[in-house]
N, C-alpha and C. Protein backbone atom coordinates (compact mmCIF):
# COMPACT_ATOMS: atom_id res chain seq x y z
N MET A 1 1.12 -1.37 -0.12
CA MET A 1 0.09 0.22 0.09
C MET A 1 0.65 1.27 -0.03
N ARG A 2 1.88 1.18 0.93
CA ARG A 2 2.42 2.42 1.03
C ARG A 2 3.81 2.25 -0.65
N LEU A 3 3.46 1.59 -1.41
CA LEU A 3 4.22 1.70 -2.30
C LEU A 3 3.47 1.90 -3.22
N PHE A 4 2.30 2.23 -3.74
CA PHE A 4 1.05 2.31 -4.21
C PHE A 4 1.21 3.79 -4.15
N TYR A 5 1.54 3.99 -2.71
CA TYR A 5 0.96 5.83 -2.03
C TYR A 5 2.35 6.64 -2.80
N TYR A 6 3.15 6.31 -2.37
CA TYR A 6 4.85 6.74 -3.13
C TYR A 6 4.37 6.86 -4.31
N LYS A 7 4.11 5.86 -5.58
CA LYS A 7 3.91 6.27 -6.57
C LYS A 7 3.16 7.27 -7.09
N LYS A 8 2.00 7.58 -6.13
CA LYS A 8 1.25 8.40 -6.54
C LYS A 8 1.76 9.95 -6.45
N LEU A 9 1.98 9.55 -4.93
CA LEU A 9 3.05 11.09 -4.94
C LEU A 9 4.11 11.75 -5.79
N VAL A 10 4.49 10.81 -6.03
CA VAL A 10 5.64 10.89 -7.20
C VAL A 10 5.10 11.85 -8.21
N MET A 11 3.92 10.83 -8.80
CA MET A 11 3.66 10.73 -9.81
C MET A 11 2.92 12.82 -10.33
N LYS A 12 2.36 12.60 -8.60
CA LYS A 12 1.68 14.06 -8.67
C LYS A 12 3.26 15.33 -8.26
N ARG A 13 3.72 14.66 -7.75
CA ARG A 13 5.04 16.27 -7.57
C ARG A 13 5.50 16.58 -9.57
N LYS A 14 5.42 15.16 -9.97
CA LYS A 14 5.45 15.03 -11.81
C LYS A 14 4.95 16.10 -12.40
N GLY A 15 3.68 16.04 -12.30
CA GLY A 15 2.88 16.96 -12.55
C GLY A 15 2.94 18.22 -12.12
N VAL A 16 2.95 18.72 -11.31
CA VAL A 16 2.83 19.91 -10.44
C VAL A 16 4.05 20.37 -11.20
N LEU A 17 5.12 19.60 -11.30
CA LEU A 17 6.42 20.38 -12.08
C LEU A 17 6.26 20.74 -13.66
N LEU A 18 5.67 19.87 -14.23
CA LEU A 18 5.42 19.95 -15.10
C LEU A 18 4.51 21.22 -15.70
N LEU A 19 3.25 21.04 -14.87
CA LEU A 19 2.92 22.72 -14.96
C LEU A 19 3.70 23.58 -14.65
N TYR A 20 4.72 23.93 -13.81
CA TYR A 20 5.19 24.62 -13.15
C TYR A 20 6.16 25.54 -14.59
N MET A 21 6.32 24.24 -15.10
CA MET A 21 7.64 24.53 -16.67
C MET A 21 6.57 24.98 -17.53
N LEU A 22 5.65 24.82 -17.32
CA LEU A 22 4.71 24.89 -19.05
C LEU A 22 3.83 26.43 -19.03
N ILE A 23 4.29 26.92 -17.32
CA ILE A 23 3.21 27.99 -16.99
C ILE A 23 4.32 28.80 -17.48
N LEU A 24 6.55 28.96 -16.99
CA LEU A 24 7.38 29.50 -17.06
C LEU A 24 8.13 29.86 -18.73
N LEU A 25 7.25 28.55 -19.46
CA LEU A 25 7.80 28.39 -20.69
C LEU A 25 6.93 29.15 -21.96
N VAL A 26 5.83 29.32 -21.88
CA VAL A 26 4.98 29.11 -22.90
C VAL A 26 4.65 31.26 -22.92
N PRO A 27 4.79 31.39 -22.01
CA PRO A 27 5.32 32.51 -22.21
C PRO A 27 6.61 32.93 -22.96
N ASN A 28 7.47 32.62 -21.96
CA ASN A 28 8.50 32.77 -23.45
C ASN A 28 8.32 32.83 -24.78
N LEU A 29 8.06 31.25 -24.98
CA LEU A 29 7.96 30.38 -26.31
C LEU A 29 6.74 31.67 -27.37
N ILE A 30 5.90 31.98 -26.70
CA ILE A 30 4.85 33.37 -27.30
C ILE A 30 5.44 34.43 -27.79
N GLN A 31 6.42 34.86 -27.14
CA GLN A 31 7.10 36.18 -26.81
C GLN A 31 8.49 36.13 -28.06
N ASN A 32 8.97 34.87 -27.58
CA ASN A 32 9.92 34.31 -29.61
C ASN A 32 9.48 34.17 -30.52
N LEU A 33 7.93 33.97 -31.21
CA LEU A 33 7.65 33.63 -31.83
C LEU A 33 6.76 35.13 -32.03
N TYR A 34 6.30 35.99 -31.31
CA TYR A 34 5.72 37.57 -31.61
C TYR A 34 6.88 38.19 -32.08
N ALA A 35 8.37 37.69 -31.19
CA ALA A 35 9.69 38.59 -31.80
C ALA A 35 10.21 38.27 -33.04
N GLN A 36 10.06 37.20 -33.71
CA GLN A 36 10.63 36.84 -34.84
C GLN A 36 9.01 37.44 -35.93
N GLU A 37 8.01 37.13 -35.88
CA GLU A 37 7.18 38.06 -36.50
C GLU A 37 7.39 39.47 -36.61
N ARG A 38 7.68 40.01 -35.27
CA ARG A 38 7.66 41.83 -35.94
C ARG A 38 8.94 41.88 -36.59
N LYS A 39 10.16 41.05 -36.99
CA LYS A 39 11.20 41.63 -37.35
C LYS A 39 11.00 41.23 -39.27
N GLN A 40 9.48 40.66 -39.67
CA GLN A 40 9.26 40.90 -40.68
C GLN A 40 8.98 41.70 -41.55
N GLY A 41 9.17 42.20 -42.56
CA GLY A 41 8.18 43.48 -43.54
C GLY A 41 9.37 44.24 -44.44
N TYR A 42 8.86 45.34 -43.87
CA TYR A 42 9.87 46.67 -44.54
C TYR A 42 11.43 47.28 -43.68
N GLN A 43 11.94 46.89 -44.05
CA GLN A 43 13.34 47.42 -43.39
C GLN A 43 14.36 48.60 -44.22
N GLY A 44 15.10 49.31 -43.37
CA GLY A 44 15.75 50.41 -44.32
C GLY A 44 17.24 50.39 -43.90
N TYR A 45 18.09 50.74 -44.23
CA TYR A 45 19.56 50.90 -43.39
C TYR A 45 19.94 52.25 -44.09
N VAL A 46 20.75 53.30 -43.78
CA VAL A 46 21.71 54.57 -44.07
C VAL A 46 23.04 54.39 -43.71
N GLU A 47 23.81 53.53 -44.89
CA GLU A 47 25.36 53.88 -44.21
C GLU A 47 26.46 54.80 -44.54
N ALA A 48 27.15 55.66 -43.67
CA ALA A 48 29.03 56.08 -44.53
C ALA A 48 29.83 55.06 -44.14
N GLY A 49 30.77 55.78 -45.07
CA GLY A 49 31.78 54.95 -45.35
C GLY A 49 32.58 54.96 -45.77
N TYR A 50 34.46 54.76 -45.54
CA TYR A 50 35.19 55.29 -46.13
C TYR A 50 35.54 53.97 -47.13
N THR A 51 36.93 54.18 -47.87
CA THR A 51 37.18 52.87 -48.85
C THR A 51 38.48 53.49 -48.28
N ILE A 52 39.98 52.25 -48.25
CA ILE A 52 41.22 52.51 -48.47
C ILE A 52 42.10 51.92 -49.45
N GLY A 53 42.05 52.59 -50.41
CA GLY A 53 42.64 51.77 -51.99
C GLY A 53 43.54 50.85 -51.56
N THR A 54 43.50 49.74 -52.58
CA THR A 54 44.71 48.80 -52.69
C THR A 54 45.43 48.98 -53.78
N THR A 55 45.14 49.68 -54.24
CA THR A 55 45.89 49.53 -55.69
C THR A 55 46.59 50.51 -55.95
N ASP A 56 47.32 50.97 -57.14
CA ASP A 56 48.54 51.31 -57.47
C ASP A 56 47.78 52.78 -57.57
N TRP A 57 46.87 53.32 -57.95
CA TRP A 57 46.23 54.46 -57.86
C TRP A 57 46.36 55.12 -56.57
N ARG A 58 47.00 56.20 -56.15
CA ARG A 58 46.58 56.96 -54.84
C ARG A 58 44.69 57.34 -54.64
N GLU A 59 44.20 57.19 -56.13
CA GLU A 59 43.51 58.39 -55.61
C GLU A 59 42.21 57.03 -55.69
N ALA A 60 42.38 55.72 -55.24
CA ALA A 60 41.36 54.66 -54.97
C ALA A 60 40.40 55.57 -53.46
N ASN A 61 41.11 55.94 -52.51
CA ASN A 61 40.27 56.67 -51.56
C ASN A 61 39.33 57.12 -51.38
N ARG A 62 38.38 56.54 -51.12
CA ARG A 62 37.44 58.00 -51.23
C ARG A 62 36.24 57.56 -49.94
N ILE A 63 35.27 57.99 -50.23
CA ILE A 63 33.88 58.01 -48.79
C ILE A 63 32.77 58.11 -49.89
N GLU A 64 32.14 57.49 -49.18
CA GLU A 64 30.79 56.95 -49.58
C GLU A 64 29.56 57.34 -49.04
N ILE A 65 28.76 57.32 -49.30
CA ILE A 65 27.35 57.49 -48.50
C ILE A 65 26.11 56.96 -49.11
N SER A 66 24.97 55.63 -48.41
CA SER A 66 24.38 55.29 -49.17
C SER A 66 22.82 54.92 -48.32
N THR A 67 21.90 54.28 -49.11
CA THR A 67 20.73 53.76 -48.31
C THR A 67 20.04 52.46 -49.15
N SER A 68 20.35 51.67 -48.43
CA SER A 68 18.75 50.80 -49.28
C SER A 68 17.84 50.15 -48.48
N HIS A 69 16.85 50.20 -49.25
CA HIS A 69 15.21 50.33 -48.62
C HIS A 69 15.11 48.34 -49.28
N GLY A 70 14.40 47.38 -48.50
CA GLY A 70 14.01 46.26 -49.29
C GLY A 70 13.21 45.48 -48.00
N TYR A 71 12.89 44.30 -48.35
CA TYR A 71 11.93 43.01 -46.79
C TYR A 71 13.04 42.69 -46.58
N GLN A 72 12.29 42.45 -45.31
CA GLN A 72 13.47 41.30 -44.14
C GLN A 72 12.00 40.01 -44.13
N PHE A 73 13.31 39.03 -44.11
CA PHE A 73 12.01 37.60 -44.34
C PHE A 73 12.80 37.19 -42.77
N ARG A 74 11.56 37.39 -42.12
CA ARG A 74 11.92 37.00 -40.56
C ARG A 74 12.93 37.59 -40.30
N ARG A 75 13.45 36.96 -39.44
CA ARG A 75 15.30 37.37 -38.66
C ARG A 75 16.50 37.07 -40.11
N PRO A 76 16.48 36.36 -39.99
CA PRO A 76 18.05 36.26 -41.11
C PRO A 76 17.96 37.02 -42.58
N PHE A 77 16.86 37.13 -43.46
CA PHE A 77 17.24 37.46 -44.30
C PHE A 77 16.87 38.82 -44.65
N PHE A 78 17.37 39.66 -45.97
CA PHE A 78 17.43 40.97 -46.34
C PHE A 78 17.28 40.66 -47.70
N VAL A 79 16.07 41.23 -48.75
CA VAL A 79 16.71 41.88 -49.85
C VAL A 79 15.99 43.19 -50.17
N GLY A 80 16.83 43.85 -50.49
CA GLY A 80 16.44 45.40 -51.22
C GLY A 80 17.00 45.84 -51.99
N ILE A 81 16.69 46.76 -52.54
CA ILE A 81 17.69 48.07 -53.82
C ILE A 81 18.35 48.98 -53.00
N GLY A 82 19.12 49.88 -53.82
CA GLY A 82 19.86 51.13 -52.62
C GLY A 82 20.19 51.88 -54.14
N VAL A 83 20.68 52.67 -53.39
CA VAL A 83 21.23 54.17 -53.98
C VAL A 83 22.46 54.77 -52.93
N GLY A 84 23.43 55.77 -53.92
CA GLY A 84 24.37 56.02 -52.65
C GLY A 84 25.20 56.82 -53.37
N TYR A 85 26.39 57.79 -52.85
CA TYR A 85 27.44 58.31 -53.81
C TYR A 85 28.46 57.92 -53.75
N SER A 86 29.45 58.18 -53.59
CA SER A 86 30.57 58.06 -53.44
C SER A 86 31.75 59.48 -54.25
N SER A 87 33.03 59.48 -53.76
CA SER A 87 32.82 60.75 -53.94
C SER A 87 35.17 60.27 -53.66
N TYR A 88 35.66 60.68 -54.54
CA TYR A 88 37.72 60.48 -54.68
C TYR A 88 38.12 61.52 -53.90
N PHE A 89 39.19 61.38 -53.09
CA PHE A 89 39.60 62.42 -52.33
C PHE A 89 40.59 62.97 -53.54
N GLU A 90 41.53 62.48 -54.74
CA GLU A 90 42.05 63.02 -55.25
C GLU A 90 41.64 62.96 -56.27
N ASP A 91 42.47 64.05 -57.06
CA ASP A 91 41.49 65.01 -58.20
C ASP A 91 41.31 63.73 -59.91
N THR A 92 40.77 63.49 -60.31
CA THR A 92 40.47 62.02 -61.04
C THR A 92 39.53 62.56 -62.23
N ASP A 93 39.59 61.59 -62.99
CA ASP A 93 38.99 62.16 -64.50
C ASP A 93 37.45 61.82 -63.88
N TYR A 94 36.64 61.09 -63.25
CA TYR A 94 35.67 60.81 -62.71
C TYR A 94 35.85 61.09 -60.96
N PRO A 95 35.68 62.46 -60.43
CA PRO A 95 35.78 62.00 -58.64
C PRO A 95 34.30 62.28 -58.28
N ASN A 96 33.36 61.52 -58.96
CA ASN A 96 32.14 61.75 -57.81
C ASN A 96 31.71 60.49 -58.98
N VAL A 97 30.47 59.80 -58.33
CA VAL A 97 30.27 58.62 -58.39
C VAL A 97 28.87 57.92 -57.99
N LEU A 98 27.69 58.05 -58.91
CA LEU A 98 26.56 57.46 -58.67
C LEU A 98 26.50 55.79 -58.14
N LEU A 99 25.37 55.38 -57.31
CA LEU A 99 25.55 54.06 -57.11
C LEU A 99 24.45 53.48 -57.27
N THR A 100 24.07 52.36 -58.02
CA THR A 100 22.71 51.71 -58.03
C THR A 100 22.81 50.38 -57.92
N PHE A 101 22.39 50.21 -56.77
CA PHE A 101 22.92 48.43 -56.08
C PHE A 101 21.69 47.44 -55.80
N ALA A 102 21.95 46.07 -56.25
CA ALA A 102 20.70 45.03 -54.90
C ALA A 102 21.11 44.81 -54.12
N ASP A 103 20.76 44.81 -51.95
CA ASP A 103 21.70 44.36 -51.27
C ASP A 103 21.00 43.26 -50.58
N VAL A 104 21.71 42.58 -50.29
CA VAL A 104 21.13 40.59 -49.93
C VAL A 104 22.34 40.87 -49.21
N ARG A 105 20.98 40.51 -47.92
CA ARG A 105 22.01 40.39 -46.25
C ARG A 105 21.34 39.71 -45.52
N TYR A 106 22.17 38.62 -44.53
CA TYR A 106 21.75 37.12 -44.01
C TYR A 106 22.66 37.63 -42.61
N THR A 107 22.00 37.64 -41.62
CA THR A 107 21.85 37.64 -39.95
C THR A 107 22.53 35.66 -39.91
N ILE A 108 23.17 35.73 -38.75
CA ILE A 108 23.68 34.14 -38.29
C ILE A 108 22.71 34.64 -36.65
N GLN A 109 21.98 34.07 -36.74
CA GLN A 109 21.50 34.24 -35.53
C GLN A 109 21.82 32.97 -34.54
N GLN A 110 22.40 32.34 -34.67
CA GLN A 110 22.94 31.17 -33.81
C GLN A 110 24.17 32.01 -33.63
N ALA A 111 24.89 33.19 -33.59
CA ALA A 111 26.24 33.09 -33.44
C ALA A 111 25.92 35.01 -32.35
N GLN A 112 24.40 34.79 -32.17
CA GLN A 112 24.21 35.33 -31.40
C GLN A 112 24.07 35.59 -30.17
N ILE A 113 24.78 37.13 -30.09
CA ILE A 113 26.06 36.95 -28.19
C ILE A 113 24.72 38.48 -27.82
N GLY A 114 23.96 37.98 -26.62
CA GLY A 114 23.24 39.56 -25.97
C GLY A 114 22.71 40.44 -27.65
N ARG A 115 22.76 41.27 -27.24
CA ARG A 115 22.32 42.63 -28.33
C ARG A 115 22.89 42.63 -29.96
N PHE A 116 24.36 41.91 -30.14
CA PHE A 116 25.21 41.63 -30.80
C PHE A 116 24.91 40.68 -31.87
N SER A 117 24.85 40.38 -33.16
CA SER A 117 24.85 39.69 -34.14
C SER A 117 25.39 39.49 -35.08
N PRO A 118 26.72 38.72 -36.10
CA PRO A 118 26.82 38.91 -36.80
C PRO A 118 26.17 38.42 -38.49
N PHE A 119 26.87 39.32 -39.29
CA PHE A 119 26.27 39.12 -41.42
C PHE A 119 27.03 39.48 -41.49
N ILE A 120 26.61 38.38 -42.86
CA ILE A 120 27.10 39.26 -44.20
C ILE A 120 26.31 39.40 -45.33
N ASN A 121 26.76 40.36 -46.00
CA ASN A 121 26.68 41.37 -46.57
C ASN A 121 26.94 41.14 -48.59
N MET A 122 26.02 41.57 -48.93
CA MET A 122 26.49 41.43 -50.76
C MET A 122 26.00 42.37 -51.38
N LYS A 123 26.83 43.60 -51.76
CA LYS A 123 25.72 44.30 -52.77
C LYS A 123 26.37 44.47 -54.05
N PHE A 124 25.84 44.77 -55.04
CA PHE A 124 26.08 44.42 -56.60
C PHE A 124 25.48 45.45 -57.02
N GLY A 125 25.73 45.89 -58.04
CA GLY A 125 24.63 47.13 -59.22
C GLY A 125 25.59 48.10 -59.70
N PHE A 126 25.38 48.85 -59.99
CA PHE A 126 26.50 49.80 -60.95
C PHE A 126 27.05 50.97 -60.38
N GLU A 127 28.10 51.68 -61.29
CA GLU A 127 28.84 52.68 -60.49
C GLU A 127 28.74 53.60 -61.64
N TRP A 128 28.00 54.87 -61.54
CA TRP A 128 27.64 55.47 -62.66
C TRP A 128 29.00 56.86 -62.25
N LEU A 129 29.94 56.99 -63.35
CA LEU A 129 31.36 57.56 -62.83
C LEU A 129 30.91 59.42 -63.51
N LEU A 130 30.64 60.13 -63.06
CA LEU A 130 30.09 61.56 -63.75
C LEU A 130 31.23 62.23 -63.20
N GLY A 131 31.87 63.27 -64.38
CA GLY A 131 33.09 63.83 -64.56
C GLY A 131 32.93 65.18 -64.42
N ASP A 132 33.44 66.53 -64.89
CA ASP A 132 33.04 67.45 -64.56
C ASP A 132 32.35 67.38 -66.45
N GLY A 133 32.68 66.83 -67.44
CA GLY A 133 31.10 66.98 -68.34
C GLY A 133 29.96 66.70 -68.32
N GLY A 134 30.12 66.08 -67.29
CA GLY A 134 28.72 65.04 -67.16
C GLY A 134 29.09 63.07 -67.37
N TRP A 135 28.07 62.60 -67.81
CA TRP A 135 28.28 61.31 -67.30
C TRP A 135 29.77 60.60 -67.87
N SER A 136 29.94 59.90 -66.96
CA SER A 136 31.25 59.11 -68.03
C SER A 136 31.53 57.77 -68.15
N GLY A 137 31.17 57.26 -67.72
CA GLY A 137 30.64 55.49 -68.17
C GLY A 137 30.30 55.17 -67.39
N CYS A 138 30.56 53.95 -67.15
CA CYS A 138 29.39 53.30 -65.90
C CYS A 138 30.72 51.85 -65.61
N GLU A 139 30.67 50.92 -64.55
CA GLU A 139 31.32 49.84 -64.20
C GLU A 139 30.41 49.26 -63.30
N LEU A 140 31.08 48.10 -63.17
CA LEU A 140 30.34 47.03 -62.20
C LEU A 140 30.64 47.12 -60.54
N TYR A 141 29.50 47.49 -59.75
CA TYR A 141 30.09 47.73 -58.48
C TYR A 141 29.80 45.98 -57.84
N THR A 142 30.40 46.14 -56.48
CA THR A 142 30.29 44.50 -56.31
C THR A 142 31.18 45.01 -54.86
N LEU A 143 30.22 44.31 -53.65
CA LEU A 143 31.01 44.82 -52.47
C LEU A 143 30.36 43.79 -51.65
N PRO A 144 31.37 42.89 -51.33
CA PRO A 144 31.00 42.09 -50.48
C PRO A 144 31.41 42.28 -48.88
N ALA A 145 30.84 41.78 -47.56
CA ALA A 145 31.37 42.43 -46.52
C ALA A 145 30.95 41.37 -45.64
N ILE A 146 31.33 41.72 -44.21
CA ILE A 146 31.10 40.98 -43.17
C ILE A 146 30.84 42.12 -42.39
N GLY A 147 29.78 41.94 -41.11
CA GLY A 147 29.89 42.53 -40.16
C GLY A 147 29.31 41.96 -38.69
N ILE A 148 29.00 43.18 -37.87
CA ILE A 148 27.92 43.26 -36.61
C ILE A 148 26.83 43.75 -36.64
N ASN A 149 26.01 43.54 -35.67
CA ASN A 149 24.96 44.22 -35.64
C ASN A 149 24.79 44.04 -34.06
N TYR A 150 24.62 45.75 -33.50
CA TYR A 150 24.00 46.24 -31.81
C TYR A 150 22.45 46.40 -32.29
N ASP A 151 21.86 45.73 -31.47
CA ASP A 151 19.88 45.66 -31.23
C ASP A 151 19.89 47.15 -30.80
N LEU A 152 19.32 47.89 -31.45
CA LEU A 152 18.85 49.10 -30.11
C LEU A 152 17.43 49.23 -29.86
N GLY A 153 16.88 47.91 -30.33
CA GLY A 153 15.05 47.59 -29.76
C GLY A 153 14.61 48.83 -31.04
N HIS A 154 12.74 48.31 -31.14
CA HIS A 154 11.90 48.89 -32.10
C HIS A 154 12.50 49.10 -33.25
N HIS A 155 12.61 47.58 -33.43
CA HIS A 155 13.48 47.96 -35.52
C HIS A 155 14.54 47.97 -35.62
N THR A 156 15.12 48.98 -35.19
CA THR A 156 16.40 49.58 -34.88
C THR A 156 17.74 49.50 -34.27
N ALA A 157 19.20 49.61 -35.45
CA ALA A 157 19.93 48.61 -35.00
C ALA A 157 20.86 49.79 -35.13
N LEU A 158 22.47 49.45 -34.74
CA LEU A 158 23.68 49.80 -35.34
C LEU A 158 24.27 49.39 -36.02
N ASN A 159 25.11 49.56 -37.15
CA ASN A 159 25.60 48.08 -37.49
C ASN A 159 27.51 48.29 -38.17
N PHE A 160 28.60 47.89 -38.00
CA PHE A 160 29.54 48.44 -38.73
C PHE A 160 29.97 46.94 -39.43
N SER A 161 30.61 47.23 -40.26
CA SER A 161 30.75 46.05 -41.63
C SER A 161 33.19 46.95 -42.48
N ILE A 162 32.69 45.95 -42.58
CA ILE A 162 34.56 45.42 -43.37
C ILE A 162 34.07 44.69 -44.21
N GLY A 163 34.14 44.80 -45.97
CA GLY A 163 33.88 44.67 -47.53
C GLY A 163 34.79 44.91 -47.65
N TYR A 164 35.01 44.41 -49.24
CA TYR A 164 35.86 44.54 -50.55
C TYR A 164 35.57 45.14 -51.44
N HIS A 165 35.81 45.95 -51.78
CA HIS A 165 35.15 46.70 -52.54
C HIS A 165 35.67 46.82 -53.91
N ALA A 166 35.14 46.00 -54.71
CA ALA A 166 35.76 45.34 -56.37
C ALA A 166 35.55 46.03 -57.55
N THR A 167 35.78 46.60 -57.54
CA THR A 167 35.52 48.17 -59.13
C THR A 167 37.21 47.89 -59.80
N SER A 168 37.28 48.50 -60.36
CA SER A 168 38.82 48.86 -61.50
C SER A 168 39.54 49.41 -60.28
N ASP A 169 38.71 49.86 -59.33
CA ASP A 169 39.67 51.22 -57.95
C ASP A 169 39.21 49.85 -56.94
N THR A 170 39.91 49.13 -56.75
CA THR A 170 39.79 48.21 -55.38
C THR A 170 39.84 48.57 -54.10
N GLY A 171 39.54 48.51 -52.93
CA GLY A 171 39.86 48.82 -51.77
C GLY A 171 39.45 47.72 -50.53
N VAL A 172 39.20 48.29 -49.51
CA VAL A 172 38.65 47.52 -48.47
C VAL A 172 37.75 48.86 -47.64
N ALA A 173 37.01 48.66 -47.73
CA ALA A 173 35.70 49.32 -46.89
C ALA A 173 35.54 48.90 -45.44
N PHE A 174 35.46 50.97 -44.94
CA PHE A 174 34.97 50.20 -43.37
C PHE A 174 33.11 51.18 -43.88
N LYS A 175 32.31 50.30 -43.09
CA LYS A 175 30.85 51.24 -43.39
C LYS A 175 30.60 51.01 -41.70
N LEU A 176 29.26 52.57 -40.82
CA LEU A 176 29.33 52.69 -40.04
C LEU A 176 27.49 52.84 -40.77
N GLY A 177 26.61 52.11 -39.77
CA GLY A 177 25.01 52.40 -40.49
C GLY A 177 24.20 52.28 -39.11
N TYR A 178 22.84 52.45 -39.93
CA TYR A 178 21.91 52.50 -39.11
C TYR A 178 20.66 51.97 -39.90
N GLN A 179 20.32 50.84 -38.45
CA GLN A 179 18.88 49.73 -39.77
C GLN A 179 18.20 50.35 -38.72
N PHE A 180 16.69 50.58 -40.04
CA PHE A 180 15.60 51.00 -39.08
C PHE A 180 14.16 50.35 -39.95
């Protein structure tokens, strides 16, 4: 009789423990699902950067400002289009460059630490070269980069990235941005 009472008591305690676990875990699971849903939808980025030229040309150093807008698919994927402006520091035949590009970004959620999360970014499109006399030509624009986001909350974040500017004037690009 005692063994039956003991088994009944253990089963009751397991049931109470399971109920406590459900009470504690269900709100957290619902919050996580809701947080993932909130990350889906329109997303915009504004970035400013500096590229250090790696070619023989001294004029490969330049500053750049750009914005891209698109759609965030859940948390990890972003696809958008963007425009930007770049200016070389030295006198060149085309000191000003207009950028048009597609922007693809993947956030690596498994490596997230607190508010920091790493990402991989790829921008590809065209550089429209603007000289003193107007439009001077066009080049392919490619900028693969890796970086890190710092989540500010309410769908906003700061990000920093390092990339390789792959055009005729190659260079290492450093960018600081704001995500909204």
